[in-house]
C-alpha atoms as a PDB file:
ATOM      1  CA  MET A   1      -0.188   0.145   0.185  1.00  0.00           C
ATOM      2  CA  ILE A   2       1.372   3.258  -0.946  1.00  0.00           C
ATOM      3  CA  GLU A   3       0.298   6.237   0.859  1.00  0.00           C
ATOM      4  CA  PRO A   4      -1.111   9.493  -0.965  1.00  0.00           C
ATOM      5  CA  ASP A   5       1.952  11.589  -0.519  1.00  0.00           C
ATOM      6  CA  ALA A   6       3.921   9.692  -2.748  1.00  0.00           C
ATOM      7  CA  ILE A   7       4.524  10.898  -6.385  1.00  0.00           C
ATOM      8  CA  VAL A   8       5.860   9.399  -9.768  1.00  0.00           C
ATOM      9  CA  PHE A   9       7.733  11.603 -12.097  1.00  0.00           C
ATOM     10  CA  VAL A  10       7.759  10.420 -15.422  1.00  0.00           C
ATOM     11  CA  VAL A  11      10.144  11.816 -17.991  1.00  0.00           C
ATOM     12  CA  ASP A  12      10.088  10.806 -22.033  1.00  0.00           C
ATOM     13  CA  ASP A  13      10.051  12.800 -25.111  1.00  0.00           C
ATOM     14  CA  ASP A  14       7.263  10.504 -26.680  1.00  0.00           C
ATOM     15  CA  PRO A  15       3.792  12.173 -26.019  1.00  0.00           C
ATOM     16  CA  SER A  16       2.237   8.920 -26.492  1.00  0.00           C
ATOM     17  CA  VAL A  17       4.425   6.698 -23.872  1.00  0.00           C
ATOM     18  CA  ARG A  18       3.946   9.691 -21.693  1.00  0.00           C
ATOM     19  CA  ARG A  19       0.416   9.256 -21.799  1.00  0.00           C
ATOM     20  CA  SER A  20       0.064   5.849 -21.341  1.00  0.00           C
ATOM     21  CA  THR A  21       2.412   5.415 -18.562  1.00  0.00           C
ATOM     22  CA  GLU A  22       0.524   8.291 -16.977  1.00  0.00           C
ATOM     23  CA  ARG A  23      -2.907   6.303 -17.275  1.00  0.00           C
ATOM     24  CA  LEU A  24      -1.418   3.372 -15.764  1.00  0.00           C
ATOM     25  CA  LEU A  25       0.226   4.661 -12.767  1.00  0.00           C
ATOM     26  CA  ARG A  26      -2.961   6.768 -12.170  1.00  0.00           C
ATOM     27  CA  SER A  27      -5.173   3.583 -12.446  1.00  0.00           C
ATOM     28  CA  ALA A  28      -3.118   2.073  -9.457  1.00  0.00           C
ATOM     29  CA  GLY A  29      -4.210   5.533  -7.632  1.00  0.00           C
ATOM     30  CA  LEU A  30      -0.642   6.974  -7.901  1.00  0.00           C
ATOM     31  CA  LYS A  31      -0.112  10.614  -8.161  1.00  0.00           C
ATOM     32  CA  VAL A  32       1.923  11.485 -11.476  1.00  0.00           C
ATOM     33  CA  GLN A  33       3.694  14.111 -13.200  1.00  0.00           C
ATOM     34  CA  THR A  34       5.072  14.141 -16.310  1.00  0.00           C
ATOM     35  CA  PHE A  35       7.680  16.042 -18.389  1.00  0.00           C
ATOM     36  CA  SER A  36       8.806  15.871 -22.214  1.00  0.00           C
ATOM     37  CA  SER A  37      12.460  16.635 -21.263  1.00  0.00           C
ATOM     38  CA  ALA A  38      15.259  15.825 -18.661  1.00  0.00           C
ATOM     39  CA  ARG A  39      15.865  19.869 -18.512  1.00  0.00           C
ATOM     40  CA  GLU A  40      11.974  20.626 -18.141  1.00  0.00           C
ATOM     41  CA  PHE A  41      12.150  17.819 -15.243  1.00  0.00           C
ATOM     42  CA  LEU A  42      15.261  19.918 -13.584  1.00  0.00           C
ATOM     43  CA  ALA A  43      13.572  23.129 -13.942  1.00  0.00           C
ATOM     44  CA  SER A  44      10.559  22.031 -11.704  1.00  0.00           C
ATOM     45  CA  HIS A  45      10.041  22.055  -8.333  1.00  0.00           C
ATOM     46  CA  ARG A  46       9.608  18.796  -6.699  1.00  0.00           C
ATOM     47  CA  PRO A  47       7.745  18.094  -3.485  1.00  0.00           C
ATOM     48  CA  GLU A  48       9.659  16.572   0.071  1.00  0.00           C
ATOM     49  CA  GLY A  49       7.612  13.248  -0.096  1.00  0.00           C
ATOM     50  CA  PRO A  50       8.653  10.012  -1.427  1.00  0.00           C
ATOM     51  CA  ALA A  51       9.098  10.116  -4.762  1.00  0.00           C
ATOM     52  CA  CYS A  52      10.563   8.054  -7.970  1.00  0.00           C
ATOM     53  CA  LEU A  53      11.288   8.761 -11.753  1.00  0.00           C
ATOM     54  CA  VAL A  54      10.364   7.081 -14.343  1.00  0.00           C
ATOM     55  CA  LEU A  55      13.080   8.065 -17.435  1.00  0.00           C
ATOM     56  CA  ASP A  56      13.664   7.325 -20.808  1.00  0.00           C
ATOM     57  CA  VAL A  57      17.187   6.457 -21.423  1.00  0.00           C
ATOM     58  CA  ARG A  58      17.327   8.144 -25.038  1.00  0.00           C
ATOM     59  CA  MET A  59      15.991  11.644 -25.641  1.00  0.00           C
ATOM     60  CA  PRO A  60      17.081  14.719 -27.279  1.00  0.00           C
ATOM     61  CA  GLY A  61      18.966  17.239 -25.307  1.00  0.00           C
ATOM     62  CA  LEU A  62      20.076  15.655 -21.945  1.00  0.00           C
ATOM     63  CA  SER A  63      19.748  11.734 -22.106  1.00  0.00           C
ATOM     64  CA  GLY A  64      18.157   9.994 -19.207  1.00  0.00           C
ATOM     65  CA  MET A  65      21.895   8.775 -18.654  1.00  0.00           C
ATOM     66  CA  GLU A  66      23.322  12.112 -18.009  1.00  0.00           C
ATOM     67  CA  LEU A  67      20.071  13.062 -16.002  1.00  0.00           C
ATOM     68  CA  GLN A  68      20.848  10.552 -13.578  1.00  0.00           C
ATOM     69  CA  ARG A  69      24.814  11.588 -13.266  1.00  0.00           C
ATOM     70  CA  GLU A  70      23.467  15.656 -12.943  1.00  0.00           C
ATOM     71  CA  LEU A  71      21.146  14.448 -10.208  1.00  0.00           C
ATOM     72  CA  ALA A  72      23.819  12.386  -8.495  1.00  0.00           C
ATOM     73  CA  GLN A  73      26.189  14.987  -8.537  1.00  0.00           C
ATOM     74  CA  SER A  74      23.835  17.653  -6.959  1.00  0.00           C
ATOM     75  CA  GLY A  75      23.311  15.446  -4.049  1.00  0.00           C
ATOM     76  CA  THR A  76      19.376  14.836  -5.212  1.00  0.00           C
ATOM     77  CA  TYR A  77      18.126  11.446  -3.895  1.00  0.00           C
ATOM     78  CA  ILE A  78      15.089   9.664  -5.959  1.00  0.00           C
ATOM     79  CA  PRO A  79      15.187   6.028  -7.222  1.00  0.00           C
ATOM     80  CA  ILE A  80      15.146   5.707 -11.026  1.00  0.00           C
ATOM     81  CA  ILE A  81      13.492   3.157 -13.279  1.00  0.00           C
ATOM     82  CA  PHE A  82      14.782   3.562 -16.413  1.00  0.00           C
ATOM     83  CA  ILE A  83      12.798   2.458 -19.412  1.00  0.00           C
ATOM     84  CA  THR A  84      14.198   2.242 -23.244  1.00  0.00           C
ATOM     85  CA  ALA A  85      13.156   0.528 -26.576  1.00  0.00           C
ATOM     86  CA  HIS A  86      17.243   0.411 -27.286  1.00  0.00           C
ATOM     87  CA  GLY A  87      18.500  -0.970 -24.241  1.00  0.00           C
ATOM     88  CA  ASP A  88      21.591  -3.226 -24.110  1.00  0.00           C
ATOM     89  CA  ILE A  89      23.006  -4.821 -21.228  1.00  0.00           C
ATOM     90  CA  PRO A  90      26.624  -2.861 -20.894  1.00  0.00           C
ATOM     91  CA  MET A  91      24.062  -0.012 -20.859  1.00  0.00           C
ATOM     92  CA  SER A  92      21.694  -1.369 -18.200  1.00  0.00           C
ATOM     93  CA  VAL A  93      24.519  -2.543 -16.024  1.00  0.00           C
ATOM     94  CA  ARG A  94      26.084   0.928 -16.119  1.00  0.00           C
ATOM     95  CA  ALA A  95      22.550   2.281 -14.911  1.00  0.00           C
ATOM     96  CA  MET A  96      22.055  -0.300 -12.114  1.00  0.00           C
ATOM     97  CA  LYS A  97      25.467   0.389 -11.031  1.00  0.00           C
ATOM     98  CA  ALA A  98      25.063   4.114 -11.039  1.00  0.00           C
ATOM     99  CA  GLY A  99      22.345   3.394  -8.337  1.00  0.00           C
ATOM    100  CA  ALA A 100      19.027   2.852 -11.010  1.00  0.00           C
ATOM    101  CA  ALA A 101      16.330   0.806  -8.902  1.00  0.00           C
ATOM    102  CA  GLU A 102      15.190  -0.723 -12.408  1.00  0.00           C
ATOM    103  CA  PHE A 103      15.738  -1.044 -16.013  1.00  0.00           C
ATOM    104  CA  LEU A 104      12.885  -2.032 -18.168  1.00  0.00           C
ATOM    105  CA  THR A 105      12.765  -2.565 -22.134  1.00  0.00           C
ATOM    106  CA  LYS A 106      10.020  -1.374 -24.033  1.00  0.00           C
ATOM    107  CA  PRO A 107       7.405  -3.004 -24.626  1.00  0.00           C
ATOM    108  CA  PHE A 108       7.374  -4.238 -20.905  1.00  0.00           C
ATOM    109  CA  ARG A 109       4.340  -5.342 -19.056  1.00  0.00           C
ATOM    110  CA  GLY A 110       2.421  -2.657 -16.886  1.00  0.00           C
ATOM    111  CA  ARG A 111       2.839  -5.287 -14.020  1.00  0.00           C
ATOM    112  CA  SER A 112       6.179  -5.226 -14.363  1.00  0.00           C
ATOM    113  CA  LEU A 113       6.433  -0.886 -13.973  1.00  0.00           C
ATOM    114  CA  LEU A 114       3.800  -0.933 -11.307  1.00  0.00           C
ATOM    115  CA  ASP A 115       5.890  -3.454  -9.025  1.00  0.00           C
ATOM    116  CA  ALA A 116       9.315  -1.419  -9.671  1.00  0.00           C
ATOM    117  CA  VAL A 117       7.226   1.809  -9.026  1.00  0.00           C
ATOM    118  CA  ARG A 118       5.808   0.447  -5.622  1.00  0.00           C
ATOM    119  CA  ALA A 119       9.361  -0.710  -4.555  1.00  0.00           C
ATOM    120  CA  ALA A 120      11.350   2.375  -5.580  1.00  0.00           C
ATOM    121  CA  ILE A 121       8.811   4.527  -3.713  1.00  0.00           C
ATOM    122  CA  GLU A 122       9.288   2.319  -0.273  1.00  0.00           C
ATOM    123  CA  ARG A 123      12.808   2.634  -0.733  1.00  0.00           C
ATOM    124  CA  ASP A 124      12.474   6.123  -1.069  1.00  0.00           C
ATOM    125  CA  ARG A 125      10.528   6.096   1.856  1.00  0.00           C
ATOM    126  CA  SER A 126      12.916   4.532   3.943  1.00  0.00           C
ATOM    127  CA  ALA A 127      15.614   7.128   2.812  1.00  0.00           C
ATOM    128  CA  HIS A 128      13.408   9.983   3.624  1.00  0.00           C
ATOM    129  CA  LYS A 129      12.811   8.533   6.898  1.00  0.00           C
ATOM    130  CA  GLU A 130      16.666   7.589   7.764  1.00  0.00           C
ATOM    131  CA  ARG A 131      18.021  11.188   6.591  1.00  0.00           C
ATOM    132  CA  SER A 132      15.109  13.253   8.930  1.00  0.00           C
ATOM    133  CA  GLU A 133      16.398  10.873  11.737  1.00  0.00           C
ATOM    134  CA  SER A 134      19.759  11.446  11.022  1.00  0.00           C
ATOM    135  CA  ARG A 135      19.078  15.572  10.923  1.00  0.00           C
ATOM    136  CA  ASP A 136      17.234  15.304  14.036  1.00  0.00           C
ATOM    137  CA  LEU A 137      20.267  13.198  15.499  1.00  0.00           C
ATOM    138  CA  ARG A 138      22.824  15.488  14.647  1.00  0.00           C
ATOM    139  CA  GLU A 139      20.537  18.846  15.876  1.00  0.00           C
ATOM    140  CA  HIS A 140      20.147  16.916  19.245  1.00  0.00           C
ATOM    141  CA  TYR A 141      24.119  16.658  19.341  1.00  0.00           C
ATOM    142  CA  GLU A 142      24.890  20.026  18.635  1.00  0.00           C
ATOM    143  CA  GLN A 143      22.636  21.135  21.607  1.00  0.00           C
ATOM    144  CA  LEU A 144      25.576  19.316  23.831  1.00  0.00           C
ATOM    145  CA  THR A 145      28.537  21.253  25.295  1.00  0.00           C
ATOM    146  CA  PRO A 146      32.062  20.389  24.548  1.00  0.00           C
ATOM    147  CA  ARG A 147      32.169  18.809  28.108  1.00  0.00           C
ATOM    148  CA  GLU A 148      28.995  16.926  27.513  1.00  0.00           C
ATOM    149  CA  ARG A 149      30.255  15.539  23.998  1.00  0.00           C
ATOM    150  CA  GLU A 150      33.395  14.260  25.699  1.00  0.00           C
ATOM    151  CA  VAL A 151      31.232  12.311  28.411  1.00  0.00           C
ATOM    152  CA  MET A 152      28.860  10.908  26.044  1.00  0.00           C
ATOM    153  CA  PRO A 153      30.902   8.122  24.420  1.00  0.00           C
ATOM    154  CA  LEU A 154      32.531   7.252  27.813  1.00  0.00           C
ATOM    155  CA  ILE A 155      29.171   6.773  29.472  1.00  0.00           C
ATOM    156  CA  ALA A 156      27.924   4.883  26.001  1.00  0.00           C
ATOM    157  CA  SER A 157      30.833   2.700  26.009  1.00  0.00           C
ATOM    158  CA  GLY A 158      29.425   0.965  29.553  1.00  0.00           C
ATOM    159  CA  MET A 159      31.775   2.574  31.951  1.00  0.00           C
ATOM    160  CA  LEU A 160      30.561   3.754  35.167  1.00  0.00           C
ATOM    161  CA  ASN A 161      29.588   7.258  36.391  1.00  0.00           C
ATOM    162  CA  LYS A 162      32.867   6.942  38.706  1.00  0.00           C
ATOM    163  CA  GLN A 163      35.302   5.624  36.053  1.00  0.00           C
ATOM    164  CA  VAL A 164      34.025   8.418  34.003  1.00  0.00           C
ATOM    165  CA  ALA A 165      35.179  11.122  36.738  1.00  0.00           C
ATOM    166  CA  GLY A 166      38.226   9.236  36.875  1.00  0.00           C
ATOM    167  CA  GLU A 167      38.746   9.240  33.394  1.00  0.00           C
ATOM    168  CA  LEU A 168      38.236  12.885  33.192  1.00  0.00           C
ATOM    169  CA  ALA A 169      39.444  13.995  36.491  1.00  0.00           C
ATOM    170  CA  THR A 170      36.425  15.453  38.064  1.00  0.00           C
ATOM    171  CA  THR A 171      33.480  14.458  40.499  1.00  0.00           C
ATOM    172  CA  GLU A 172      31.124  11.508  40.376  1.00  0.00           C
ATOM    173  CA  ARG A 173      28.119  14.030  40.888  1.00  0.00           C
ATOM    174  CA  THR A 174      29.012  16.114  38.209  1.00  0.00           C
ATOM    175  CA  ILE A 175      29.291  13.268  35.491  1.00  0.00           C
ATOM    176  CA  LYS A 176      25.871  12.172  37.133  1.00  0.00           C
ATOM    177  CA  PHE A 177      24.866  15.818  36.441  1.00  0.00           C
ATOM    178  CA  HIS A 178      26.091  15.745  32.580  1.00  0.00           C
ATOM    179  CA  ARG A 179      24.683  12.345  32.266  1.00  0.00           C
ATOM    180  CA  ALA A 180      21.070  13.366  33.315  1.00  0.00           C
ATOM    181  CA  HIS A 181      21.374  16.546  30.595  1.00  0.00           C
ATOM    182  CA  ILE A 182      22.904  14.118  27.744  1.00  0.00           C
ATOM    183  CA  MET A 183      20.062  11.953  28.109  1.00  0.00           C
ATOM    184  CA  GLN A 184      17.402  14.768  27.909  1.00  0.00           C
ATOM    185  CA  LYS A 185      18.749  16.635  25.119  1.00  0.00           C
ATOM    186  CA  MET A 186      19.870  13.343  22.917  1.00  0.00           C
ATOM    187  CA  ARG A 187      15.798  12.355  24.087  1.00  0.00           C
ATOM    188  CA  ALA A 188      17.420   8.884  24.720  1.00  0.00           C
ATOM    189  CA  GLU A 189      15.011   6.830  26.444  1.00  0.00           C
ATOM    190  CA  SER A 190      17.571   4.272  28.001  1.00  0.00           C
ATOM    191  CA  LEU A 191      21.310   3.777  27.770  1.00  0.00           C
ATOM    192  CA  ALA A 192      20.722   1.332  24.974  1.00  0.00           C
ATOM    193  CA  ASP A 193      19.250   3.883  23.083  1.00  0.00           C
ATOM    194  CA  LEU A 194      22.437   6.443  23.625  1.00  0.00           C
ATOM    195  CA  VAL A 195      24.481   3.795  22.643  1.00  0.00           C
ATOM    196  CA  ARG A 196      22.735   3.512  19.123  1.00  0.00           C
ATOM    197  CA  MET A 197      23.027   7.104  18.835  1.00  0.00           C
ATOM    198  CA  VAL A 198      26.645   7.339  19.448  1.00  0.00           C
ATOM    199  CA  GLU A 199      27.033   4.713  16.753  1.00  0.00           C
ATOM    200  CA  LYS A 200      24.861   6.337  14.080  1.00  0.00           C
ATOM    201  CA  LEU A 201      27.072   9.543  14.982  1.00  0.00           C
ATOM    202  CA  GLY A 202      30.388   7.828  14.636  1.00  0.00           C
ATOM    203  CA  ALA A 203      29.635   6.261  11.285  1.00  0.00           C
ATOM    204  CA  ARG A 204      28.640   9.611  10.100  1.00  0.00           C
END
């Protein structure tokens, strides 16, 4: 089940392909926006919600593969489903290596496109959630004082307050005070929660 905030962008220079693809996607209850060229798509305003891009490989001007490269270079994350009447194995391998979600050769079954679109939107939804959580985590971390940032990984490593105090040449009472503030600012409900946060911050 795909929530109504999801949108599918279709970029193809062939009006009949755009119309038929739009009809198919709308019949499955999806929101659709179509474009006749890669440049037109790049100039458009894209909503913040989960999305995917159904993209023709060969088009006048900027090709589908070039658009994929341009989006990657600008840091725009959107799953791409390539469709082409002129596909070959090396081209599909290049597209998939560059992060494409799927590569379909025309004529393809409607079910194949719908399945690919659903999978791509779910993938984008997960990526959105992860980026949002990562942003929140970073914002919470920025609220910590320099001393709290020193204390946090020591607590997360499993050290007792007394051990942390010894490590940082301060009192146990001071560490208890810092610990309470860290848990509150990071919105950690437990030590295990804090450990996960420290791991995520370290990975980034």
